[in-house]
Amino acid sequence: MKPIFIIFILVFLITLYILYSGSYNYFRKNTSDKMWKSWGIQTSYWEGVVILSFGITTVVVLLLKTIIL
């Protein structure tokens, strides 16, 4: 059980970084500085990135588990 947990954490961190690096500049450019500095926009952004990363991680780990194990 521990190897799948470690794989899950690694895949989650990798997808989180990929989603962050691909979308941060896009969303930062499309919102004004005043709007971006408010916590509401940043919280929504990070909430969306984490939820998408968790979903992608779940799918990848389930595929790995069915293929490998």
N, C-alpha and C. Protein backbone atom coordinates (compact mmCIF):
# COMPACT_ATOMS: atom_id res chain seq x y z
N MET A 1 0.81 -1.19 0.00
CA MET A 1 0.00 0.00 0.00
C MET A 1 0.86 1.26 0.00
N LYS A 2 2.01 1.21 0.65
CA LYS A 2 2.85 2.39 0.72
C LYS A 2 3.41 2.83 -0.63
N PRO A 3 3.83 1.92 -1.51
CA PRO A 3 4.34 2.39 -2.80
C PRO A 3 3.28 3.13 -3.61
N ILE A 4 2.02 2.70 -3.57
CA ILE A 4 0.98 3.38 -4.32
C ILE A 4 0.72 4.77 -3.74
N PHE A 5 0.87 4.89 -2.41
CA PHE A 5 0.70 6.19 -1.75
C PHE A 5 1.81 7.15 -2.15
N ILE A 6 3.03 6.66 -2.22
CA ILE A 6 4.17 7.49 -2.63
C ILE A 6 4.02 7.89 -4.09
N ILE A 7 3.59 6.96 -4.94
CA ILE A 7 3.36 7.27 -6.35
C ILE A 7 2.26 8.32 -6.47
N PHE A 8 1.19 8.19 -5.67
CA PHE A 8 0.09 9.15 -5.71
C PHE A 8 0.58 10.55 -5.36
N ILE A 9 1.40 10.66 -4.32
CA ILE A 9 1.91 11.98 -3.92
C ILE A 9 2.82 12.56 -5.00
N LEU A 10 3.70 11.74 -5.57
CA LEU A 10 4.59 12.23 -6.62
C LEU A 10 3.83 12.69 -7.86
N VAL A 11 2.86 11.90 -8.29
CA VAL A 11 2.06 12.27 -9.46
C VAL A 11 1.26 13.54 -9.17
N PHE A 12 0.73 13.66 -7.95
CA PHE A 12 -0.02 14.86 -7.57
C PHE A 12 0.86 16.10 -7.64
N LEU A 13 2.05 16.03 -7.08
CA LEU A 13 2.95 17.18 -7.10
C LEU A 13 3.38 17.55 -8.51
N ILE A 14 3.63 16.55 -9.33
CA ILE A 14 4.04 16.82 -10.71
C ILE A 14 2.91 17.46 -11.50
N THR A 15 1.69 16.93 -11.38
CA THR A 15 0.57 17.53 -12.10
C THR A 15 0.23 18.91 -11.55
N LEU A 16 0.38 19.10 -10.26
CA LEU A 16 0.14 20.42 -9.68
C LEU A 16 1.11 21.44 -10.26
N TYR A 17 2.38 21.08 -10.36
CA TYR A 17 3.38 21.99 -10.92
C TYR A 17 3.11 22.26 -12.41
N ILE A 18 2.76 21.23 -13.16
CA ILE A 18 2.50 21.41 -14.59
C ILE A 18 1.29 22.31 -14.81
N LEU A 19 0.22 22.09 -14.06
CA LEU A 19 -0.95 22.95 -14.19
C LEU A 19 -0.65 24.38 -13.76
N TYR A 20 0.12 24.54 -12.69
CA TYR A 20 0.49 25.87 -12.22
C TYR A 20 1.33 26.60 -13.26
N SER A 21 2.35 25.95 -13.75
CA SER A 21 3.25 26.62 -14.69
C SER A 21 2.56 26.94 -16.01
N GLY A 22 1.57 26.14 -16.38
CA GLY A 22 0.87 26.39 -17.63
C GLY A 22 -0.23 27.42 -17.55
N SER A 23 -0.82 27.59 -16.36
CA SER A 23 -1.99 28.47 -16.28
C SER A 23 -1.77 29.75 -15.49
N TYR A 24 -0.76 29.84 -14.69
CA TYR A 24 -0.59 31.01 -13.81
C TYR A 24 -0.46 32.31 -14.61
N ASN A 25 0.44 32.32 -15.58
CA ASN A 25 0.66 33.55 -16.35
C ASN A 25 -0.58 33.94 -17.15
N TYR A 26 -1.30 32.96 -17.66
CA TYR A 26 -2.52 33.24 -18.43
C TYR A 26 -3.56 33.94 -17.56
N PHE A 27 -3.83 33.38 -16.38
CA PHE A 27 -4.83 33.99 -15.51
C PHE A 27 -4.33 35.29 -14.90
N ARG A 28 -3.05 35.40 -14.67
CA ARG A 28 -2.49 36.64 -14.12
C ARG A 28 -2.63 37.78 -15.13
N LYS A 29 -2.43 37.49 -16.42
CA LYS A 29 -2.55 38.53 -17.45
C LYS A 29 -4.00 38.95 -17.67
N ASN A 30 -4.93 38.03 -17.53
CA ASN A 30 -6.33 38.32 -17.82
C ASN A 30 -7.07 38.99 -16.67
N THR A 31 -6.45 39.14 -15.52
CA THR A 31 -7.08 39.86 -14.42
C THR A 31 -6.22 41.06 -14.06
N SER A 32 -6.85 42.10 -13.55
CA SER A 32 -6.11 43.29 -13.17
C SER A 32 -5.32 43.03 -11.88
N ASP A 33 -4.31 43.86 -11.64
CA ASP A 33 -3.50 43.67 -10.43
C ASP A 33 -4.33 43.85 -9.17
N LYS A 34 -5.24 44.82 -9.20
CA LYS A 34 -6.08 45.06 -8.03
C LYS A 34 -6.96 43.84 -7.74
N MET A 35 -7.49 43.26 -8.80
CA MET A 35 -8.35 42.10 -8.64
C MET A 35 -7.54 40.87 -8.21
N TRP A 36 -6.35 40.70 -8.76
CA TRP A 36 -5.53 39.54 -8.44
C TRP A 36 -5.04 39.57 -7.00
N LYS A 37 -4.79 40.77 -6.46
CA LYS A 37 -4.29 40.88 -5.10
C LYS A 37 -5.34 40.55 -4.05
N SER A 38 -6.61 40.56 -4.43
CA SER A 38 -7.63 40.17 -3.47
C SER A 38 -7.59 38.66 -3.30
N TRP A 39 -7.89 38.20 -2.10
CA TRP A 39 -7.78 36.77 -1.79
C TRP A 39 -8.80 35.93 -2.55
N GLY A 40 -9.91 36.53 -2.94
CA GLY A 40 -10.95 35.76 -3.61
C GLY A 40 -10.50 35.16 -4.92
N ILE A 41 -9.81 35.93 -5.73
CA ILE A 41 -9.33 35.42 -7.03
C ILE A 41 -8.24 34.37 -6.83
N GLN A 42 -7.29 34.65 -5.96
CA GLN A 42 -6.20 33.70 -5.74
C GLN A 42 -6.70 32.40 -5.14
N THR A 43 -7.64 32.49 -4.23
CA THR A 43 -8.19 31.28 -3.62
C THR A 43 -8.92 30.43 -4.66
N SER A 44 -9.71 31.08 -5.49
CA SER A 44 -10.42 30.34 -6.54
C SER A 44 -9.44 29.70 -7.51
N TYR A 45 -8.38 30.41 -7.86
CA TYR A 45 -7.38 29.87 -8.78
C TYR A 45 -6.74 28.62 -8.18
N TRP A 46 -6.25 28.72 -6.94
CA TRP A 46 -5.57 27.58 -6.33
C TRP A 46 -6.52 26.42 -6.06
N GLU A 47 -7.75 26.75 -5.72
CA GLU A 47 -8.74 25.70 -5.51
C GLU A 47 -8.97 24.91 -6.80
N GLY A 48 -9.09 25.62 -7.90
CA GLY A 48 -9.27 24.95 -9.19
C GLY A 48 -8.08 24.13 -9.60
N VAL A 49 -6.88 24.66 -9.40
CA VAL A 49 -5.66 23.93 -9.78
C VAL A 49 -5.52 22.66 -8.94
N VAL A 50 -5.80 22.75 -7.65
CA VAL A 50 -5.66 21.57 -6.78
C VAL A 50 -6.72 20.52 -7.13
N ILE A 51 -7.95 20.94 -7.40
CA ILE A 51 -9.00 19.98 -7.75
C ILE A 51 -8.69 19.29 -9.07
N LEU A 52 -8.25 20.05 -10.07
CA LEU A 52 -7.88 19.45 -11.36
C LEU A 52 -6.70 18.49 -11.19
N SER A 53 -5.71 18.90 -10.42
CA SER A 53 -4.55 18.05 -10.20
C SER A 53 -4.94 16.76 -9.48
N PHE A 54 -5.82 16.86 -8.50
CA PHE A 54 -6.28 15.67 -7.78
C PHE A 54 -7.03 14.72 -8.73
N GLY A 55 -7.87 15.27 -9.58
CA GLY A 55 -8.60 14.43 -10.54
C GLY A 55 -7.68 13.73 -11.52
N ILE A 56 -6.74 14.48 -12.07
CA ILE A 56 -5.79 13.90 -13.02
C ILE A 56 -4.95 12.83 -12.32
N THR A 57 -4.52 13.12 -11.09
CA THR A 57 -3.72 12.17 -10.33
C THR A 57 -4.50 10.88 -10.08
N THR A 58 -5.76 11.01 -9.71
CA THR A 58 -6.59 9.83 -9.46
C THR A 58 -6.70 8.96 -10.71
N VAL A 59 -6.95 9.59 -11.84
CA VAL A 59 -7.07 8.84 -13.09
C VAL A 59 -5.75 8.15 -13.44
N VAL A 60 -4.64 8.86 -13.32
CA VAL A 60 -3.33 8.29 -13.66
C VAL A 60 -2.99 7.13 -12.74
N VAL A 61 -3.21 7.29 -11.44
CA VAL A 61 -2.88 6.22 -10.50
C VAL A 61 -3.78 5.00 -10.71
N LEU A 62 -5.06 5.22 -11.00
CA LEU A 62 -5.94 4.08 -11.28
C LEU A 62 -5.51 3.36 -12.55
N LEU A 63 -5.11 4.10 -13.57
CA LEU A 63 -4.62 3.46 -14.79
C LEU A 63 -3.32 2.68 -14.50
N LEU A 64 -2.42 3.28 -13.75
CA LEU A 64 -1.18 2.57 -13.41
C LEU A 64 -1.47 1.31 -12.59
N LYS A 65 -2.41 1.42 -11.67
CA LYS A 65 -2.73 0.28 -10.82
C LYS A 65 -3.34 -0.87 -11.63
N THR A 66 -4.20 -0.54 -12.59
CA THR A 66 -4.80 -1.60 -13.39
C THR A 66 -3.83 -2.19 -14.40
N ILE A 67 -2.93 -1.37 -14.91
CA ILE A 67 -1.97 -1.88 -15.90
C ILE A 67 -0.85 -2.66 -15.23
N ILE A 68 -0.27 -2.11 -14.18
CA ILE A 68 0.90 -2.72 -13.55
C ILE A 68 0.51 -3.82 -12.57
N LEU A 69 -0.43 -3.53 -11.71
CA LEU A 69 -0.78 -4.51 -10.68
C LEU A 69 -1.89 -5.31 -11.18
